[in-house]
Amino acid sequence: MSAASRRLNTGREVFAAILGGVASRSIGRGLKRARHAGLNLAGYFWMIDRNLARGVFLAAVALTFGGYSLRYPVGSWDRAGPGLFPLMVSGALLAMALMMVVRSRFQKPEPFEFNVKNIGLLLVSLCVFALLSLYVNMVVAIVAMVFISGKAAATYSVSRNIKISLGLIVVAFAFQKLLGLSLPLL
């Protein structure tokens, strides 16, 4: 008798193994259940698929912005109205979201993890960006934002942060010089 079959002794574990899915895979790995798991009505563990959640969230954002863009006149292809571009962008987002949802059905489910520390780091980096843009300049704000938000990544890399900072600074200068935006870069 194998170690995995010896673990399937209790009724809950046998029932979960028969049902398949995430619960049986976690039982096969020594009853390790992730922190993100919740209980369904029968008391057995379930999981939110990260790829499916991404697709559904992106679809909700696309539908929201697409709906609001219809409040403006769309116009025609010859003479575009103010609602055409947001409608096109939201249509492209909706297409990507639907592809993500379909792809999630063919991939192995990945657990959805909600990390409060990372969300806090991103919010702090945006606030620091706004304050430094206002009181110092935008180049310093971009570098600070990238380095603070880089702490939320799985691996911290100074060289990656420098490359991202340089790329964003180049985009900001392009916006200032080519589009004539009034940005406090220096």
N, C-alpha and C. Protein backbone atom coordinates (compact mmCIF):
# COMPACT_ATOMS: atom_id res chain seq x y z
N MET A 1 0.86 -1.18 0.00
CA MET A 1 0.00 0.00 0.00
C MET A 1 0.90 1.24 0.00
N SER A 2 0.62 2.18 -0.93
CA SER A 2 1.47 3.37 -1.03
C SER A 2 1.10 4.38 0.05
N ALA A 3 2.00 5.35 0.22
CA ALA A 3 1.76 6.39 1.23
C ALA A 3 0.56 7.23 0.87
N ALA A 4 0.35 7.50 -0.42
CA ALA A 4 -0.79 8.32 -0.84
C ALA A 4 -2.10 7.60 -0.58
N SER A 5 -2.15 6.29 -0.83
CA SER A 5 -3.40 5.57 -0.60
C SER A 5 -3.67 5.41 0.89
N ARG A 6 -2.62 5.35 1.73
CA ARG A 6 -2.83 5.27 3.17
C ARG A 6 -3.42 6.55 3.72
N ARG A 7 -3.12 7.69 3.06
CA ARG A 7 -3.64 8.98 3.54
C ARG A 7 -5.14 9.11 3.30
N LEU A 8 -5.71 8.36 2.36
CA LEU A 8 -7.12 8.49 2.02
C LEU A 8 -7.98 7.64 2.95
N ASN A 9 -7.90 7.91 4.22
CA ASN A 9 -8.62 7.08 5.18
C ASN A 9 -9.92 7.71 5.64
N THR A 10 -9.96 9.00 5.85
CA THR A 10 -11.16 9.62 6.38
C THR A 10 -12.18 9.82 5.26
N GLY A 11 -13.42 9.97 5.65
CA GLY A 11 -14.49 10.15 4.68
C GLY A 11 -14.31 11.41 3.84
N ARG A 12 -13.86 12.49 4.47
CA ARG A 12 -13.66 13.74 3.76
C ARG A 12 -12.60 13.57 2.67
N GLU A 13 -11.53 12.89 3.00
CA GLU A 13 -10.44 12.74 2.03
C GLU A 13 -10.85 11.83 0.89
N VAL A 14 -11.59 10.75 1.19
CA VAL A 14 -12.06 9.86 0.13
C VAL A 14 -13.03 10.60 -0.77
N PHE A 15 -13.96 11.36 -0.17
CA PHE A 15 -14.94 12.11 -0.96
C PHE A 15 -14.24 13.14 -1.84
N ALA A 16 -13.24 13.83 -1.30
CA ALA A 16 -12.50 14.82 -2.07
C ALA A 16 -11.72 14.17 -3.19
N ALA A 17 -11.18 12.99 -2.95
CA ALA A 17 -10.43 12.29 -3.99
C ALA A 17 -11.35 11.83 -5.10
N ILE A 18 -12.57 11.42 -4.76
CA ILE A 18 -13.53 11.00 -5.78
C ILE A 18 -13.96 12.19 -6.62
N LEU A 19 -14.19 13.33 -5.97
CA LEU A 19 -14.60 14.52 -6.70
C LEU A 19 -13.50 15.06 -7.58
N GLY A 20 -12.24 14.80 -7.24
CA GLY A 20 -11.13 15.31 -8.03
C GLY A 20 -10.92 16.78 -7.73
N GLY A 21 -10.18 17.45 -8.60
CA GLY A 21 -9.97 18.88 -8.46
C GLY A 21 -8.85 19.20 -7.51
N VAL A 22 -8.92 20.38 -6.98
CA VAL A 22 -7.84 20.91 -6.17
C VAL A 22 -7.69 20.15 -4.86
N ALA A 23 -8.81 19.76 -4.26
CA ALA A 23 -8.73 19.09 -2.98
C ALA A 23 -7.97 17.78 -3.09
N SER A 24 -8.24 16.99 -4.14
CA SER A 24 -7.56 15.71 -4.26
C SER A 24 -6.09 15.90 -4.59
N ARG A 25 -5.74 16.93 -5.36
CA ARG A 25 -4.34 17.18 -5.64
C ARG A 25 -3.60 17.56 -4.37
N SER A 26 -4.26 18.35 -3.51
CA SER A 26 -3.58 18.73 -2.27
C SER A 26 -3.48 17.54 -1.33
N ILE A 27 -4.45 16.63 -1.35
CA ILE A 27 -4.38 15.44 -0.50
C ILE A 27 -3.22 14.57 -0.96
N GLY A 28 -3.04 14.45 -2.28
CA GLY A 28 -1.95 13.65 -2.81
C GLY A 28 -0.59 14.20 -2.43
N ARG A 29 -0.50 15.45 -2.08
CA ARG A 29 0.77 16.06 -1.69
C ARG A 29 0.88 16.17 -0.17
N GLY A 30 0.19 15.35 0.53
CA GLY A 30 0.36 15.32 1.98
C GLY A 30 -0.55 16.27 2.71
N LEU A 31 -1.76 16.43 2.21
CA LEU A 31 -2.77 17.26 2.86
C LEU A 31 -2.34 18.71 3.03
N LYS A 32 -1.52 19.19 2.11
CA LYS A 32 -1.12 20.60 2.18
C LYS A 32 -2.20 21.43 1.49
N ARG A 33 -2.81 22.28 2.23
CA ARG A 33 -3.83 23.16 1.65
C ARG A 33 -3.29 24.59 1.72
N ALA A 34 -3.44 25.31 0.64
CA ALA A 34 -2.91 26.67 0.55
C ALA A 34 -3.73 27.61 1.42
N ARG A 35 -3.13 28.76 1.73
CA ARG A 35 -3.79 29.76 2.56
C ARG A 35 -5.01 30.35 1.88
N HIS A 36 -5.03 30.37 0.54
CA HIS A 36 -6.10 31.01 -0.21
C HIS A 36 -7.35 30.16 -0.28
N ALA A 37 -7.28 28.90 0.12
CA ALA A 37 -8.42 28.01 -0.03
C ALA A 37 -9.53 28.43 0.91
N GLY A 38 -10.75 28.17 0.51
CA GLY A 38 -11.90 28.46 1.33
C GLY A 38 -12.77 27.23 1.45
N LEU A 39 -13.84 27.30 2.19
CA LEU A 39 -14.73 26.16 2.34
C LEU A 39 -15.99 26.40 1.52
N ASN A 40 -16.44 25.36 0.81
CA ASN A 40 -17.71 25.48 0.12
C ASN A 40 -18.81 25.01 1.07
N LEU A 41 -20.02 24.89 0.56
CA LEU A 41 -21.15 24.57 1.44
C LEU A 41 -21.02 23.20 2.08
N ALA A 42 -20.37 22.26 1.40
CA ALA A 42 -20.25 20.92 1.97
C ALA A 42 -19.09 20.82 2.95
N GLY A 43 -18.30 21.88 3.10
CA GLY A 43 -17.19 21.85 4.03
C GLY A 43 -15.89 21.41 3.41
N TYR A 44 -15.84 21.26 2.09
CA TYR A 44 -14.63 20.81 1.42
C TYR A 44 -13.93 22.01 0.79
N PHE A 45 -12.65 21.87 0.59
CA PHE A 45 -11.85 22.98 0.12
C PHE A 45 -12.03 23.22 -1.38
N TRP A 46 -12.01 24.49 -1.77
CA TRP A 46 -12.05 24.91 -3.16
C TRP A 46 -11.04 26.01 -3.34
N MET A 47 -10.79 26.40 -4.59
CA MET A 47 -9.77 27.40 -4.87
C MET A 47 -10.24 28.32 -6.00
N ILE A 48 -9.86 29.58 -5.92
CA ILE A 48 -10.12 30.52 -7.01
C ILE A 48 -8.94 30.44 -7.96
N ASP A 49 -9.22 30.14 -9.24
CA ASP A 49 -8.18 30.03 -10.25
C ASP A 49 -7.69 31.44 -10.61
N ARG A 50 -6.39 31.66 -10.48
CA ARG A 50 -5.81 32.99 -10.73
C ARG A 50 -6.00 33.41 -12.18
N ASN A 51 -5.79 32.50 -13.13
CA ASN A 51 -5.92 32.86 -14.54
C ASN A 51 -7.36 33.21 -14.90
N LEU A 52 -8.31 32.45 -14.37
CA LEU A 52 -9.72 32.75 -14.62
C LEU A 52 -10.10 34.08 -13.97
N ALA A 53 -9.62 34.33 -12.75
CA ALA A 53 -9.94 35.59 -12.06
C ALA A 53 -9.39 36.78 -12.82
N ARG A 54 -8.18 36.64 -13.40
CA ARG A 54 -7.62 37.73 -14.20
C ARG A 54 -8.52 38.04 -15.40
N GLY A 55 -8.93 36.99 -16.09
CA GLY A 55 -9.78 37.19 -17.27
C GLY A 55 -11.11 37.82 -16.92
N VAL A 56 -11.73 37.35 -15.85
CA VAL A 56 -13.03 37.89 -15.45
C VAL A 56 -12.89 39.35 -15.00
N PHE A 57 -11.84 39.66 -14.25
CA PHE A 57 -11.63 41.04 -13.81
C PHE A 57 -11.37 41.96 -15.00
N LEU A 58 -10.54 41.52 -15.94
CA LEU A 58 -10.26 42.34 -17.12
C LEU A 58 -11.52 42.54 -17.96
N ALA A 59 -12.36 41.50 -18.05
CA ALA A 59 -13.62 41.63 -18.78
C ALA A 59 -14.54 42.64 -18.10
N ALA A 60 -14.57 42.63 -16.77
CA ALA A 60 -15.41 43.59 -16.04
C ALA A 60 -14.92 45.01 -16.27
N VAL A 61 -13.61 45.22 -16.26
CA VAL A 61 -13.06 46.56 -16.52
C VAL A 61 -13.39 46.99 -17.94
N ALA A 62 -13.22 46.08 -18.90
CA ALA A 62 -13.50 46.40 -20.30
C ALA A 62 -14.97 46.75 -20.51
N LEU A 63 -15.85 45.98 -19.91
CA LEU A 63 -17.28 46.26 -20.06
C LEU A 63 -17.67 47.57 -19.39
N THR A 64 -17.07 47.87 -18.25
CA THR A 64 -17.37 49.12 -17.56
C THR A 64 -16.95 50.32 -18.41
N PHE A 65 -15.69 50.31 -18.89
CA PHE A 65 -15.24 51.43 -19.70
C PHE A 65 -15.93 51.48 -21.05
N GLY A 66 -16.24 50.32 -21.62
CA GLY A 66 -16.98 50.30 -22.87
C GLY A 66 -18.37 50.89 -22.71
N GLY A 67 -19.01 50.56 -21.60
CA GLY A 67 -20.34 51.12 -21.34
C GLY A 67 -20.30 52.63 -21.16
N TYR A 68 -19.31 53.12 -20.44
CA TYR A 68 -19.20 54.56 -20.24
C TYR A 68 -18.80 55.27 -21.54
N SER A 69 -18.07 54.61 -22.42
CA SER A 69 -17.68 55.25 -23.68
C SER A 69 -18.88 55.42 -24.60
N LEU A 70 -19.92 54.62 -24.41
CA LEU A 70 -21.11 54.75 -25.25
C LEU A 70 -21.93 55.99 -24.88
N ARG A 71 -21.61 56.62 -23.77
CA ARG A 71 -22.30 57.88 -23.42
C ARG A 71 -21.86 59.03 -24.31
N TYR A 72 -20.72 58.88 -24.96
CA TYR A 72 -20.19 59.90 -25.86
C TYR A 72 -20.48 59.50 -27.30
N PRO A 73 -20.60 60.48 -28.19
CA PRO A 73 -20.83 60.14 -29.59
C PRO A 73 -19.62 59.42 -30.19
N VAL A 74 -19.90 58.30 -30.85
CA VAL A 74 -18.84 57.49 -31.43
C VAL A 74 -18.41 58.07 -32.78
N GLY A 75 -19.33 58.62 -33.53
CA GLY A 75 -19.00 59.18 -34.84
C GLY A 75 -18.87 58.08 -35.88
N SER A 76 -18.04 58.31 -36.86
CA SER A 76 -17.80 57.31 -37.91
C SER A 76 -16.30 57.15 -38.09
N TRP A 77 -15.91 56.25 -38.99
CA TRP A 77 -14.48 56.04 -39.23
C TRP A 77 -13.85 57.26 -39.87
N ASP A 78 -14.62 57.99 -40.68
CA ASP A 78 -14.09 59.20 -41.33
C ASP A 78 -13.93 60.34 -40.34
N ARG A 79 -14.88 60.46 -39.45
CA ARG A 79 -14.86 61.54 -38.46
C ARG A 79 -15.18 60.94 -37.10
N ALA A 80 -14.13 60.54 -36.41
CA ALA A 80 -14.30 59.84 -35.14
C ALA A 80 -14.79 60.79 -34.05
N GLY A 81 -15.69 60.27 -33.24
CA GLY A 81 -16.17 61.04 -32.10
C GLY A 81 -15.34 60.72 -30.86
N PRO A 82 -15.61 61.41 -29.76
CA PRO A 82 -14.82 61.20 -28.55
C PRO A 82 -15.02 59.82 -27.90
N GLY A 83 -16.05 59.09 -28.29
CA GLY A 83 -16.28 57.79 -27.69
C GLY A 83 -15.68 56.64 -28.47
N LEU A 84 -15.15 56.90 -29.67
CA LEU A 84 -14.66 55.81 -30.51
C LEU A 84 -13.39 55.17 -29.94
N PHE A 85 -12.41 55.97 -29.57
CA PHE A 85 -11.15 55.40 -29.08
C PHE A 85 -11.35 54.60 -27.79
N PRO A 86 -12.05 55.13 -26.78
CA PRO A 86 -12.27 54.30 -25.58
C PRO A 86 -13.06 53.02 -25.89
N LEU A 87 -13.98 53.09 -26.84
CA LEU A 87 -14.74 51.91 -27.21
C LEU A 87 -13.84 50.87 -27.88
N MET A 88 -12.93 51.33 -28.74
CA MET A 88 -12.01 50.40 -29.39
C MET A 88 -11.05 49.76 -28.38
N VAL A 89 -10.54 50.56 -27.46
CA VAL A 89 -9.62 50.03 -26.44
C VAL A 89 -10.35 49.03 -25.54
N SER A 90 -11.56 49.36 -25.13
CA SER A 90 -12.30 48.43 -24.27
C SER A 90 -12.69 47.17 -25.04
N GLY A 91 -12.93 47.29 -26.34
CA GLY A 91 -13.20 46.09 -27.15
C GLY A 91 -11.98 45.19 -27.24
N ALA A 92 -10.78 45.80 -27.40
CA ALA A 92 -9.55 45.01 -27.42
C ALA A 92 -9.31 44.35 -26.06
N LEU A 93 -9.56 45.08 -24.97
CA LEU A 93 -9.42 44.49 -23.63
C LEU A 93 -10.39 43.34 -23.42
N LEU A 94 -11.62 43.50 -23.91
CA LEU A 94 -12.61 42.44 -23.77
C LEU A 94 -12.18 41.20 -24.56
N ALA A 95 -11.62 41.40 -25.75
CA ALA A 95 -11.15 40.26 -26.54
C ALA A 95 -10.01 39.54 -25.81
N MET A 96 -9.08 40.30 -25.24
CA MET A 96 -8.00 39.68 -24.48
C MET A 96 -8.54 38.95 -23.25
N ALA A 97 -9.53 39.53 -22.59
CA ALA A 97 -10.11 38.90 -21.41
C ALA A 97 -10.78 37.59 -21.77
N LEU A 98 -11.50 37.57 -22.88
CA LEU A 98 -12.15 36.33 -23.29
C LEU A 98 -11.12 35.26 -23.65
N MET A 99 -10.01 35.67 -24.27
CA MET A 99 -8.94 34.71 -24.56
C MET A 99 -8.34 34.17 -23.28
N MET A 100 -8.19 35.03 -22.26
CA MET A 100 -7.64 34.58 -20.98
C MET A 100 -8.58 33.59 -20.30
N VAL A 101 -9.89 33.85 -20.38
CA VAL A 101 -10.86 32.95 -19.77
C VAL A 101 -10.84 31.60 -20.47
N VAL A 102 -10.80 31.60 -21.80
CA VAL A 102 -10.76 30.34 -22.54
C VAL A 102 -9.47 29.60 -22.25
N ARG A 103 -8.34 30.31 -22.24
CA ARG A 103 -7.06 29.68 -21.97
C ARG A 103 -7.01 29.09 -20.56
N SER A 104 -7.68 29.74 -19.61
CA SER A 104 -7.66 29.23 -18.23
C SER A 104 -8.36 27.88 -18.12
N ARG A 105 -9.26 27.59 -19.02
CA ARG A 105 -9.96 26.31 -18.99
C ARG A 105 -9.05 25.17 -19.43
N PHE A 106 -7.98 25.47 -20.17
CA PHE A 106 -7.09 24.43 -20.68
C PHE A 106 -5.79 24.34 -19.89
N GLN A 107 -5.58 25.22 -18.94
CA GLN A 107 -4.37 25.21 -18.13
C GLN A 107 -4.66 24.65 -16.75
N LYS A 108 -3.59 24.23 -16.11
CA LYS A 108 -3.70 23.77 -14.73
C LYS A 108 -4.07 24.97 -13.84
N PRO A 109 -5.04 24.84 -12.96
CA PRO A 109 -5.42 25.96 -12.10
C PRO A 109 -4.27 26.39 -11.19
N GLU A 110 -4.10 27.69 -11.07
CA GLU A 110 -3.11 28.25 -10.16
C GLU A 110 -3.85 28.99 -9.05
N PRO A 111 -3.37 28.89 -7.83
CA PRO A 111 -4.09 29.54 -6.72
C PRO A 111 -4.00 31.06 -6.79
N PHE A 112 -5.10 31.69 -6.44
CA PHE A 112 -5.17 33.15 -6.38
C PHE A 112 -4.72 33.58 -5.00
N GLU A 113 -3.68 34.38 -4.95
CA GLU A 113 -3.16 34.84 -3.66
C GLU A 113 -3.36 36.34 -3.54
N PHE A 114 -3.81 36.76 -2.40
CA PHE A 114 -4.08 38.17 -2.13
C PHE A 114 -3.04 38.63 -1.13
N ASN A 115 -2.05 39.42 -1.60
CA ASN A 115 -0.95 39.86 -0.75
C ASN A 115 -1.14 41.33 -0.40
N VAL A 116 -1.53 41.59 0.82
CA VAL A 116 -1.81 42.95 1.28
C VAL A 116 -0.53 43.80 1.28
N LYS A 117 0.60 43.20 1.60
CA LYS A 117 1.87 43.94 1.62
C LYS A 117 2.19 44.50 0.24
N ASN A 118 2.01 43.69 -0.81
CA ASN A 118 2.31 44.15 -2.17
C ASN A 118 1.37 45.27 -2.60
N ILE A 119 0.10 45.14 -2.25
CA ILE A 119 -0.86 46.20 -2.59
C ILE A 119 -0.49 47.48 -1.87
N GLY A 120 -0.09 47.37 -0.61
CA GLY A 120 0.34 48.54 0.15
C GLY A 120 1.58 49.19 -0.46
N LEU A 121 2.54 48.36 -0.89
CA LEU A 121 3.74 48.91 -1.53
C LEU A 121 3.40 49.67 -2.81
N LEU A 122 2.50 49.13 -3.59
CA LEU A 122 2.11 49.81 -4.83
C LEU A 122 1.40 51.13 -4.55
N LEU A 123 0.53 51.14 -3.55
CA LEU A 123 -0.15 52.38 -3.19
C LEU A 123 0.82 53.43 -2.66
N VAL A 124 1.77 52.98 -1.84
CA VAL A 124 2.78 53.90 -1.31
C VAL A 124 3.64 54.46 -2.45
N SER A 125 4.01 53.60 -3.41
CA SER A 125 4.84 54.07 -4.52
C SER A 125 4.10 55.10 -5.36
N LEU A 126 2.80 54.94 -5.55
CA LEU A 126 2.03 55.94 -6.30
C LEU A 126 1.93 57.26 -5.54
N CYS A 127 1.74 57.18 -4.22
CA CYS A 127 1.68 58.41 -3.41
C CYS A 127 3.02 59.13 -3.41
N VAL A 128 4.12 58.38 -3.29
CA VAL A 128 5.45 58.98 -3.33
C VAL A 128 5.69 59.62 -4.69
N PHE A 129 5.25 58.95 -5.77
CA PHE A 129 5.38 59.51 -7.12
C PHE A 129 4.65 60.85 -7.22
N ALA A 130 3.43 60.90 -6.71
CA ALA A 130 2.66 62.15 -6.79
C ALA A 130 3.32 63.26 -5.98
N LEU A 131 3.76 62.95 -4.78
CA LEU A 131 4.37 63.98 -3.93
C LEU A 131 5.72 64.46 -4.50
N LEU A 132 6.55 63.53 -4.95
CA LEU A 132 7.84 63.94 -5.51
C LEU A 132 7.68 64.68 -6.83
N SER A 133 6.69 64.33 -7.62
CA SER A 133 6.42 65.07 -8.86
C SER A 133 6.02 66.50 -8.55
N LEU A 134 5.29 66.67 -7.48
CA LEU A 134 4.81 67.99 -7.11
C LEU A 134 5.91 68.85 -6.50
N TYR A 135 6.71 68.26 -5.61
CA TYR A 135 7.66 69.06 -4.85
C TYR A 135 9.11 68.99 -5.35
N VAL A 136 9.50 67.95 -6.08
CA VAL A 136 10.88 67.86 -6.56
C VAL A 136 10.85 67.92 -8.08
N ASN A 137 10.86 66.78 -8.75
CA ASN A 137 10.64 66.70 -10.19
C ASN A 137 10.23 65.29 -10.55
N MET A 138 9.79 65.11 -11.79
CA MET A 138 9.20 63.83 -12.17
C MET A 138 10.25 62.74 -12.40
N VAL A 139 11.47 63.09 -12.76
CA VAL A 139 12.51 62.08 -12.96
C VAL A 139 12.81 61.38 -11.63
N VAL A 140 12.97 62.15 -10.58
CA VAL A 140 13.20 61.57 -9.25
C VAL A 140 11.98 60.77 -8.81
N ALA A 141 10.79 61.26 -9.12
CA ALA A 141 9.56 60.56 -8.75
C ALA A 141 9.45 59.22 -9.46
N ILE A 142 9.82 59.18 -10.74
CA ILE A 142 9.75 57.92 -11.49
C ILE A 142 10.71 56.89 -10.90
N VAL A 143 11.93 57.33 -10.61
CA VAL A 143 12.92 56.40 -10.04
C VAL A 143 12.45 55.89 -8.68
N ALA A 144 11.94 56.77 -7.83
CA ALA A 144 11.46 56.35 -6.50
C ALA A 144 10.28 55.40 -6.63
N MET A 145 9.36 55.69 -7.54
CA MET A 145 8.20 54.82 -7.72
C MET A 145 8.62 53.42 -8.16
N VAL A 146 9.55 53.35 -9.10
CA VAL A 146 9.98 52.04 -9.61
C VAL A 146 10.70 51.24 -8.52
N PHE A 147 11.56 51.89 -7.76
CA PHE A 147 12.30 51.16 -6.75
C PHE A 147 11.41 50.73 -5.58
N ILE A 148 10.42 51.54 -5.22
CA ILE A 148 9.51 51.15 -4.14
C ILE A 148 8.59 50.03 -4.62
N SER A 149 8.02 50.17 -5.80
CA SER A 149 7.11 49.13 -6.29
C SER A 149 7.86 47.86 -6.66
N GLY A 150 9.16 47.96 -6.93
CA GLY A 150 9.96 46.78 -7.21
C GLY A 150 10.08 45.85 -6.02
N LYS A 151 9.88 46.38 -4.82
CA LYS A 151 9.90 45.54 -3.61
C LYS A 151 8.73 44.55 -3.59
N ALA A 152 7.68 44.84 -4.38
CA ALA A 152 6.52 43.94 -4.42
C ALA A 152 6.75 42.75 -5.33
N ALA A 153 7.80 42.77 -6.13
CA ALA A 153 8.07 41.66 -7.04
C ALA A 153 8.55 40.44 -6.27
N ALA A 154 8.47 39.29 -6.93
CA ALA A 154 8.92 38.05 -6.28
C ALA A 154 10.42 38.09 -6.03
N THR A 155 11.17 38.67 -6.97
CA THR A 155 12.61 38.83 -6.81
C THR A 155 12.95 40.30 -7.03
N TYR A 156 13.81 40.84 -6.20
CA TYR A 156 14.19 42.25 -6.30
C TYR A 156 15.49 42.34 -7.09
N SER A 157 15.47 43.18 -8.14
CA SER A 157 16.64 43.33 -8.99
C SER A 157 16.89 44.81 -9.24
N VAL A 158 18.04 45.29 -8.81
CA VAL A 158 18.39 46.69 -9.00
C VAL A 158 18.57 47.00 -10.49
N SER A 159 19.21 46.09 -11.21
CA SER A 159 19.42 46.33 -12.65
C SER A 159 18.09 46.40 -13.40
N ARG A 160 17.14 45.55 -13.03
CA ARG A 160 15.81 45.61 -13.66
C ARG A 160 15.13 46.94 -13.34
N ASN A 161 15.23 47.39 -12.10
CA ASN A 161 14.62 48.66 -11.72
C ASN A 161 15.24 49.83 -12.46
N ILE A 162 16.56 49.80 -12.67
CA ILE A 162 17.23 50.87 -13.43
C ILE A 162 16.74 50.88 -14.87
N LYS A 163 16.61 49.69 -15.47
CA LYS A 163 16.14 49.61 -16.86
C LYS A 163 14.71 50.11 -16.99
N ILE A 164 13.85 49.74 -16.06
CA ILE A 164 12.46 50.20 -16.09
C ILE A 164 12.41 51.70 -15.88
N SER A 165 13.21 52.23 -14.95
CA SER A 165 13.24 53.67 -14.71
C SER A 165 13.67 54.43 -15.95
N LEU A 166 14.74 53.95 -16.59
CA LEU A 166 15.22 54.62 -17.81
C LEU A 166 14.17 54.58 -18.90
N GLY A 167 13.49 53.46 -19.06
CA GLY A 167 12.43 53.36 -20.07
C GLY A 167 11.30 54.32 -19.80
N LEU A 168 10.88 54.42 -18.54
CA LEU A 168 9.79 55.35 -18.21
C LEU A 168 10.22 56.81 -18.36
N ILE A 169 11.47 57.11 -18.05
CA ILE A 169 11.96 58.48 -18.22
C ILE A 169 12.00 58.84 -19.70
N VAL A 170 12.42 57.90 -20.55
CA VAL A 170 12.41 58.15 -22.00
C VAL A 170 10.99 58.40 -22.50
N VAL A 171 10.04 57.61 -22.03
CA VAL A 171 8.63 57.81 -22.43
C VAL A 171 8.14 59.17 -21.95
N ALA A 172 8.50 59.56 -20.74
CA ALA A 172 8.07 60.86 -20.22
C ALA A 172 8.66 62.01 -21.05
N PHE A 173 9.95 61.90 -21.42
CA PHE A 173 10.55 62.94 -22.27
C PHE A 173 9.90 62.95 -23.65
N ALA A 174 9.54 61.79 -24.18
CA ALA A 174 8.85 61.74 -25.47
C ALA A 174 7.49 62.42 -25.38
N PHE A 175 6.77 62.18 -24.28
CA PHE A 175 5.49 62.86 -24.10
C PHE A 175 5.67 64.37 -24.02
N GLN A 176 6.72 64.79 -23.35
CA GLN A 176 6.96 66.22 -23.19
C GLN A 176 7.37 66.87 -24.51
N LYS A 177 8.30 66.26 -25.22
CA LYS A 177 8.86 66.89 -26.44
C LYS A 177 7.96 66.68 -27.66
N LEU A 178 7.45 65.46 -27.83
CA LEU A 178 6.69 65.16 -29.04
C LEU A 178 5.22 65.54 -28.95
N LEU A 179 4.64 65.36 -27.78
CA LEU A 179 3.22 65.67 -27.62
C LEU A 179 2.99 67.05 -27.00
N GLY A 180 4.05 67.67 -26.51
CA GLY A 180 3.92 69.01 -25.94
C GLY A 180 3.27 69.04 -24.57
N LEU A 181 3.31 67.93 -23.84
CA LEU A 181 2.72 67.93 -22.50
C LEU A 181 3.63 68.70 -21.54
N SER A 182 3.00 69.37 -20.63
CA SER A 182 3.72 70.15 -19.64
C SER A 182 4.03 69.27 -18.42
N LEU A 183 5.14 68.54 -18.50
CA LEU A 183 5.53 67.65 -17.42
C LEU A 183 6.75 68.25 -16.70
N PRO A 184 6.74 68.25 -15.37
CA PRO A 184 7.88 68.79 -14.59
C PRO A 184 9.02 67.78 -14.51
N LEU A 185 9.68 67.51 -15.64
CA LEU A 185 10.71 66.47 -15.65
C LEU A 185 11.99 66.88 -14.96
N LEU A 186 12.46 68.08 -15.19
CA LEU A 186 13.73 68.52 -14.57
C LEU A 186 13.55 69.76 -13.76
